[in-house]
Amino acid sequence: MCLEAFTTFFSELTDTRQSAKITYPLEDILFVILCGVSLEQSAGARSVITLMVILIGLTAWVFK
């Protein structure tokens, strides 16, 4: 999936967060979550802890 297509698709969502507290765009957060869930499923991990470790690693990689 092309990142631009992903961003375009999800940019139609309404971001209800308080603007003063926003650090990352909603599309970036959704992308990291989607990647983490995909990796978790392909790796066969079934625990929430494993998913959180994957998401933390992805966040460090995407936002560096």
PDB file of N, CA and C in Angstrom:
ATOM      1  N   MET A   1       0.843  -1.171   0.000  1.00  0.00           N
ATOM      2  CA  MET A   1       0.000   0.000   0.000  1.00  0.00           C
ATOM      3  C   MET A   1       0.891   1.237   0.000  1.00  0.00           C
ATOM      4  N   CYS A   2       0.556   2.160  -0.834  1.00  0.00           N
ATOM      5  CA  CYS A   2       1.310   3.397  -0.938  1.00  0.00           C
ATOM      6  C   CYS A   2       0.938   4.311   0.235  1.00  0.00           C
ATOM      7  N   LEU A   3       1.943   4.898   0.876  1.00  0.00           N
ATOM      8  CA  LEU A   3       1.689   5.751   2.029  1.00  0.00           C
ATOM      9  C   LEU A   3       0.818   6.950   1.668  1.00  0.00           C
ATOM     10  N   GLU A   4       0.993   7.486   0.471  1.00  0.00           N
ATOM     11  CA  GLU A   4       0.168   8.624   0.035  1.00  0.00           C
ATOM     12  C   GLU A   4      -1.299   8.229  -0.084  1.00  0.00           C
ATOM     13  N   ALA A   5      -1.568   7.044  -0.611  1.00  0.00           N
ATOM     14  CA  ALA A   5      -2.950   6.562  -0.728  1.00  0.00           C
ATOM     15  C   ALA A   5      -3.548   6.341   0.660  1.00  0.00           C
ATOM     16  N   PHE A   6      -2.759   5.788   1.567  1.00  0.00           N
ATOM     17  CA  PHE A   6      -3.208   5.576   2.941  1.00  0.00           C
ATOM     18  C   PHE A   6      -3.565   6.914   3.584  1.00  0.00           C
ATOM     19  N   THR A   7      -2.680   7.890   3.447  1.00  0.00           N
ATOM     20  CA  THR A   7      -2.901   9.220   4.029  1.00  0.00           C
ATOM     21  C   THR A   7      -4.131   9.877   3.423  1.00  0.00           C
ATOM     22  N   THR A   8      -4.291   9.779   2.126  1.00  0.00           N
ATOM     23  CA  THR A   8      -5.450  10.370   1.459  1.00  0.00           C
ATOM     24  C   THR A   8      -6.741   9.721   1.943  1.00  0.00           C
ATOM     25  N   PHE A   9      -6.731   8.405   2.044  1.00  0.00           N
ATOM     26  CA  PHE A   9      -7.923   7.683   2.472  1.00  0.00           C
ATOM     27  C   PHE A   9      -8.343   8.078   3.888  1.00  0.00           C
ATOM     28  N   PHE A  10      -7.381   8.108   4.807  1.00  0.00           N
ATOM     29  CA  PHE A  10      -7.701   8.382   6.202  1.00  0.00           C
ATOM     30  C   PHE A  10      -7.773   9.870   6.537  1.00  0.00           C
ATOM     31  N   SER A  11      -7.390  10.734   5.622  1.00  0.00           N
ATOM     32  CA  SER A  11      -7.480  12.173   5.889  1.00  0.00           C
ATOM     33  C   SER A  11      -8.927  12.648   5.949  1.00  0.00           C
ATOM     34  N   GLU A  12      -9.840  11.824   5.469  1.00  0.00           N
ATOM     35  CA  GLU A  12     -11.257  12.175   5.521  1.00  0.00           C
ATOM     36  C   GLU A  12     -11.857  12.001   6.919  1.00  0.00           C
ATOM     37  N   LEU A  13     -11.138  11.327   7.813  1.00  0.00           N
ATOM     38  CA  LEU A  13     -11.619  11.161   9.178  1.00  0.00           C
ATOM     39  C   LEU A  13     -11.540  12.485   9.931  1.00  0.00           C
ATOM     40  N   THR A  14     -12.472  12.690  10.828  1.00  0.00           N
ATOM     41  CA  THR A  14     -12.454  13.880  11.664  1.00  0.00           C
ATOM     42  C   THR A  14     -11.595  13.609  12.883  1.00  0.00           C
ATOM     43  N   ASP A  15     -10.601  14.444  13.089  1.00  0.00           N
ATOM     44  CA  ASP A  15      -9.708  14.313  14.241  1.00  0.00           C
ATOM     45  C   ASP A  15     -10.294  15.131  15.388  1.00  0.00           C
ATOM     46  N   THR A  16     -10.799  14.445  16.406  1.00  0.00           N
ATOM     47  CA  THR A  16     -11.482  15.136  17.500  1.00  0.00           C
ATOM     48  C   THR A  16     -10.558  15.455  18.672  1.00  0.00           C
ATOM     49  N   ARG A  17      -9.255  15.230  18.490  1.00  0.00           N
ATOM     50  CA  ARG A  17      -8.322  15.524  19.573  1.00  0.00           C
ATOM     51  C   ARG A  17      -8.176  17.031  19.768  1.00  0.00           C
ATOM     52  N   GLN A  18      -7.770  17.430  20.957  1.00  0.00           N
ATOM     53  CA  GLN A  18      -7.530  18.839  21.236  1.00  0.00           C
ATOM     54  C   GLN A  18      -6.264  19.272  20.498  1.00  0.00           C
ATOM     55  N   SER A  19      -6.376  20.286  19.668  1.00  0.00           N
ATOM     56  CA  SER A  19      -5.271  20.675  18.779  1.00  0.00           C
ATOM     57  C   SER A  19      -3.989  21.043  19.522  1.00  0.00           C
ATOM     58  N   ALA A  20      -4.091  21.571  20.726  1.00  0.00           N
ATOM     59  CA  ALA A  20      -2.895  21.939  21.482  1.00  0.00           C
ATOM     60  C   ALA A  20      -2.112  20.724  21.963  1.00  0.00           C
ATOM     61  N   LYS A  21      -2.758  19.565  22.010  1.00  0.00           N
ATOM     62  CA  LYS A  21      -2.128  18.350  22.522  1.00  0.00           C
ATOM     63  C   LYS A  21      -1.661  17.396  21.424  1.00  0.00           C
ATOM     64  N   ILE A  22      -1.834  17.777  20.169  1.00  0.00           N
ATOM     65  CA  ILE A  22      -1.482  16.894  19.055  1.00  0.00           C
ATOM     66  C   ILE A  22       0.013  16.965  18.778  1.00  0.00           C
ATOM     67  N   THR A  23       0.667  15.820  18.834  1.00  0.00           N
ATOM     68  CA  THR A  23       2.089  15.731  18.498  1.00  0.00           C
ATOM     69  C   THR A  23       2.275  15.150  17.106  1.00  0.00           C
ATOM     70  N   TYR A  24       1.485  14.142  16.761  1.00  0.00           N
ATOM     71  CA  TYR A  24       1.585  13.461  15.475  1.00  0.00           C
ATOM     72  C   TYR A  24       0.250  13.518  14.754  1.00  0.00           C
ATOM     73  N   PRO A  25       0.280  13.617  13.427  1.00  0.00           N
ATOM     74  CA  PRO A  25      -0.970  13.587  12.663  1.00  0.00           C
ATOM     75  C   PRO A  25      -1.690  12.248  12.860  1.00  0.00           C
ATOM     76  N   LEU A  26      -3.007  12.290  12.794  1.00  0.00           N
ATOM     77  CA  LEU A  26      -3.825  11.097  12.989  1.00  0.00           C
ATOM     78  C   LEU A  26      -3.462  10.005  11.982  1.00  0.00           C
ATOM     79  N   GLU A  27      -3.187  10.388  10.748  1.00  0.00           N
ATOM     80  CA  GLU A  27      -2.848   9.396   9.718  1.00  0.00           C
ATOM     81  C   GLU A  27      -1.579   8.631  10.087  1.00  0.00           C
ATOM     82  N   ASP A  28      -0.592   9.311  10.681  1.00  0.00           N
ATOM     83  CA  ASP A  28       0.649   8.646  11.087  1.00  0.00           C
ATOM     84  C   ASP A  28       0.381   7.637  12.195  1.00  0.00           C
ATOM     85  N   ILE A  29      -0.454   8.001  13.151  1.00  0.00           N
ATOM     86  CA  ILE A  29      -0.780   7.102  14.252  1.00  0.00           C
ATOM     87  C   ILE A  29      -1.513   5.868  13.727  1.00  0.00           C
ATOM     88  N   LEU A  30      -2.463   6.078  12.834  1.00  0.00           N
ATOM     89  CA  LEU A  30      -3.201   4.954  12.263  1.00  0.00           C
ATOM     90  C   LEU A  30      -2.290   4.033  11.461  1.00  0.00           C
ATOM     91  N   PHE A  31      -1.325   4.612  10.746  1.00  0.00           N
ATOM     92  CA  PHE A  31      -0.385   3.819   9.960  1.00  0.00           C
ATOM     93  C   PHE A  31       0.462   2.922  10.863  1.00  0.00           C
ATOM     94  N   VAL A  32       0.957   3.478  11.958  1.00  0.00           N
ATOM     95  CA  VAL A  32       1.766   2.698  12.896  1.00  0.00           C
ATOM     96  C   VAL A  32       0.938   1.571  13.507  1.00  0.00           C
ATOM     97  N   ILE A  33      -0.302   1.868  13.869  1.00  0.00           N
ATOM     98  CA  ILE A  33      -1.171   0.832  14.446  1.00  0.00           C
ATOM     99  C   ILE A  33      -1.453  -0.272  13.429  1.00  0.00           C
ATOM    100  N   LEU A  34      -1.747   0.101  12.194  1.00  0.00           N
ATOM    101  CA  LEU A  34      -2.011  -0.894  11.154  1.00  0.00           C
ATOM    102  C   LEU A  34      -0.785  -1.773  10.913  1.00  0.00           C
ATOM    103  N   CYS A  35       0.380  -1.175  10.845  1.00  0.00           N
ATOM    104  CA  CYS A  35       1.606  -1.957  10.655  1.00  0.00           C
ATOM    105  C   CYS A  35       1.850  -2.892  11.829  1.00  0.00           C
ATOM    106  N   GLY A  36       1.638  -2.392  13.035  1.00  0.00           N
ATOM    107  CA  GLY A  36       1.843  -3.222  14.223  1.00  0.00           C
ATOM    108  C   GLY A  36       0.904  -4.416  14.266  1.00  0.00           C
ATOM    109  N   VAL A  37      -0.350  -4.186  13.944  1.00  0.00           N
ATOM    110  CA  VAL A  37      -1.325  -5.281  13.940  1.00  0.00           C
ATOM    111  C   VAL A  37      -0.987  -6.278  12.838  1.00  0.00           C
ATOM    112  N   SER A  38      -0.573  -5.793  11.678  1.00  0.00           N
ATOM    113  CA  SER A  38      -0.193  -6.686  10.578  1.00  0.00           C
ATOM    114  C   SER A  38       1.018  -7.533  10.960  1.00  0.00           C
ATOM    115  N   LEU A  39       2.017  -6.909  11.561  1.00  0.00           N
ATOM    116  CA  LEU A  39       3.204  -7.654  11.974  1.00  0.00           C
ATOM    117  C   LEU A  39       2.871  -8.654  13.070  1.00  0.00           C
ATOM    118  N   GLU A  40       2.006  -8.247  13.974  1.00  0.00           N
ATOM    119  CA  GLU A  40       1.622  -9.132  15.068  1.00  0.00           C
ATOM    120  C   GLU A  40       0.923 -10.372  14.529  1.00  0.00           C
ATOM    121  N   GLN A  41       0.058 -10.193  13.547  1.00  0.00           N
ATOM    122  CA  GLN A  41      -0.667 -11.321  12.962  1.00  0.00           C
ATOM    123  C   GLN A  41       0.273 -12.231  12.182  1.00  0.00           C
ATOM    124  N   SER A  42       1.199 -11.636  11.423  1.00  0.00           N
ATOM    125  CA  SER A  42       2.099 -12.457  10.610  1.00  0.00           C
ATOM    126  C   SER A  42       3.135 -13.175  11.471  1.00  0.00           C
ATOM    127  N   ALA A  43       3.478 -12.599  12.606  1.00  0.00           N
ATOM    128  CA  ALA A  43       4.464 -13.229  13.486  1.00  0.00           C
ATOM    129  C   ALA A  43       3.835 -14.294  14.373  1.00  0.00           C
ATOM    130  N   GLY A  44       2.527 -14.324  14.406  1.00  0.00           N
ATOM    131  CA  GLY A  44       1.849 -15.326  15.209  1.00  0.00           C
ATOM    132  C   GLY A  44       1.771 -14.985  16.688  1.00  0.00           C
ATOM    133  N   ALA A  45       2.142 -13.775  17.050  1.00  0.00           N
ATOM    134  CA  ALA A  45       2.067 -13.365  18.452  1.00  0.00           C
ATOM    135  C   ALA A  45       0.611 -13.104  18.822  1.00  0.00           C
ATOM    136  N   ARG A  46       0.242 -13.467  20.001  1.00  0.00           N
ATOM    137  CA  ARG A  46      -1.154 -13.336  20.397  1.00  0.00           C
ATOM    138  C   ARG A  46      -1.347 -12.493  21.656  1.00  0.00           C
ATOM    139  N   SER A  47      -0.301 -11.912  22.184  1.00  0.00           N
ATOM    140  CA  SER A  47      -0.466 -11.180  23.432  1.00  0.00           C
ATOM    141  C   SER A  47      -0.465  -9.672  23.195  1.00  0.00           C
ATOM    142  N   VAL A  48      -1.104  -8.968  24.081  1.00  0.00           N
ATOM    143  CA  VAL A  48      -1.141  -7.509  24.015  1.00  0.00           C
ATOM    144  C   VAL A  48       0.255  -6.949  24.253  1.00  0.00           C
ATOM    145  N   ILE A  49       1.022  -7.588  25.103  1.00  0.00           N
ATOM    146  CA  ILE A  49       2.391  -7.137  25.396  1.00  0.00           C
ATOM    147  C   ILE A  49       3.237  -7.172  24.133  1.00  0.00           C
ATOM    148  N   THR A  50       3.138  -8.248  23.377  1.00  0.00           N
ATOM    149  CA  THR A  50       3.901  -8.362  22.129  1.00  0.00           C
ATOM    150  C   THR A  50       3.493  -7.275  21.150  1.00  0.00           C
ATOM    151  N   LEU A  51       2.203  -7.020  21.039  1.00  0.00           N
ATOM    152  CA  LEU A  51       1.724  -5.964  20.146  1.00  0.00           C
ATOM    153  C   LEU A  51       2.261  -4.609  20.593  1.00  0.00           C
ATOM    154  N   MET A  52       2.283  -4.340  21.883  1.00  0.00           N
ATOM    155  CA  MET A  52       2.789  -3.067  22.380  1.00  0.00           C
ATOM    156  C   MET A  52       4.278  -2.906  22.073  1.00  0.00           C
ATOM    157  N   VAL A  53       5.047  -3.970  22.210  1.00  0.00           N
ATOM    158  CA  VAL A  53       6.480  -3.918  21.890  1.00  0.00           C
ATOM    159  C   VAL A  53       6.666  -3.605  20.407  1.00  0.00           C
ATOM    160  N   ILE A  54       5.881  -4.226  19.555  1.00  0.00           N
ATOM    161  CA  ILE A  54       5.961  -3.964  18.115  1.00  0.00           C
ATOM    162  C   ILE A  54       5.598  -2.512  17.820  1.00  0.00           C
ATOM    163  N   LEU A  55       4.536  -2.002  18.432  1.00  0.00           N
ATOM    164  CA  LEU A  55       4.107  -0.629  18.185  1.00  0.00           C
ATOM    165  C   LEU A  55       5.138   0.380  18.672  1.00  0.00           C
ATOM    166  N   ILE A  56       5.759   0.129  19.801  1.00  0.00           N
ATOM    167  CA  ILE A  56       6.803   1.037  20.303  1.00  0.00           C
ATOM    168  C   ILE A  56       7.984   1.053  19.343  1.00  0.00           C
ATOM    169  N   GLY A  57       8.372  -0.112  18.855  1.00  0.00           N
ATOM    170  CA  GLY A  57       9.464  -0.171  17.883  1.00  0.00           C
ATOM    171  C   GLY A  57       9.124   0.538  16.590  1.00  0.00           C
ATOM    172  N   LEU A  58       7.908   0.348  16.101  1.00  0.00           N
ATOM    173  CA  LEU A  58       7.487   1.025  14.879  1.00  0.00           C
ATOM    174  C   LEU A  58       7.428   2.535  15.066  1.00  0.00           C
ATOM    175  N   THR A  59       6.947   2.976  16.220  1.00  0.00           N
ATOM    176  CA  THR A  59       6.857   4.400  16.483  1.00  0.00           C
ATOM    177  C   THR A  59       8.245   5.028  16.468  1.00  0.00           C
ATOM    178  N   ALA A  60       9.208   4.375  17.091  1.00  0.00           N
ATOM    179  CA  ALA A  60      10.582   4.884  17.091  1.00  0.00           C
ATOM    180  C   ALA A  60      11.137   4.944  15.675  1.00  0.00           C
ATOM    181  N   TRP A  61      10.805   3.959  14.855  1.00  0.00           N
ATOM    182  CA  TRP A  61      11.306   3.915  13.481  1.00  0.00           C
ATOM    183  C   TRP A  61      10.627   4.954  12.600  1.00  0.00           C
ATOM    184  N   VAL A  62       9.315   5.078  12.668  1.00  0.00           N
ATOM    185  CA  VAL A  62       8.562   5.968  11.790  1.00  0.00           C
ATOM    186  C   VAL A  62       8.822   7.429  12.129  1.00  0.00           C
ATOM    187  N   PHE A  63       8.914   7.766  13.398  1.00  0.00           N
ATOM    188  CA  PHE A  63       8.984   9.153  13.801  1.00  0.00           C
ATOM    189  C   PHE A  63      10.387   9.657  14.103  1.00  0.00           C
ATOM    190  N   LYS A  64      11.421   8.918  13.707  1.00  0.00           N
ATOM    191  CA  LYS A  64      12.779   9.408  13.968  1.00  0.00           C
ATOM    192  C   LYS A  64      13.218  10.427  12.949  1.00  0.00           C
TER     193      LYS A  64
END
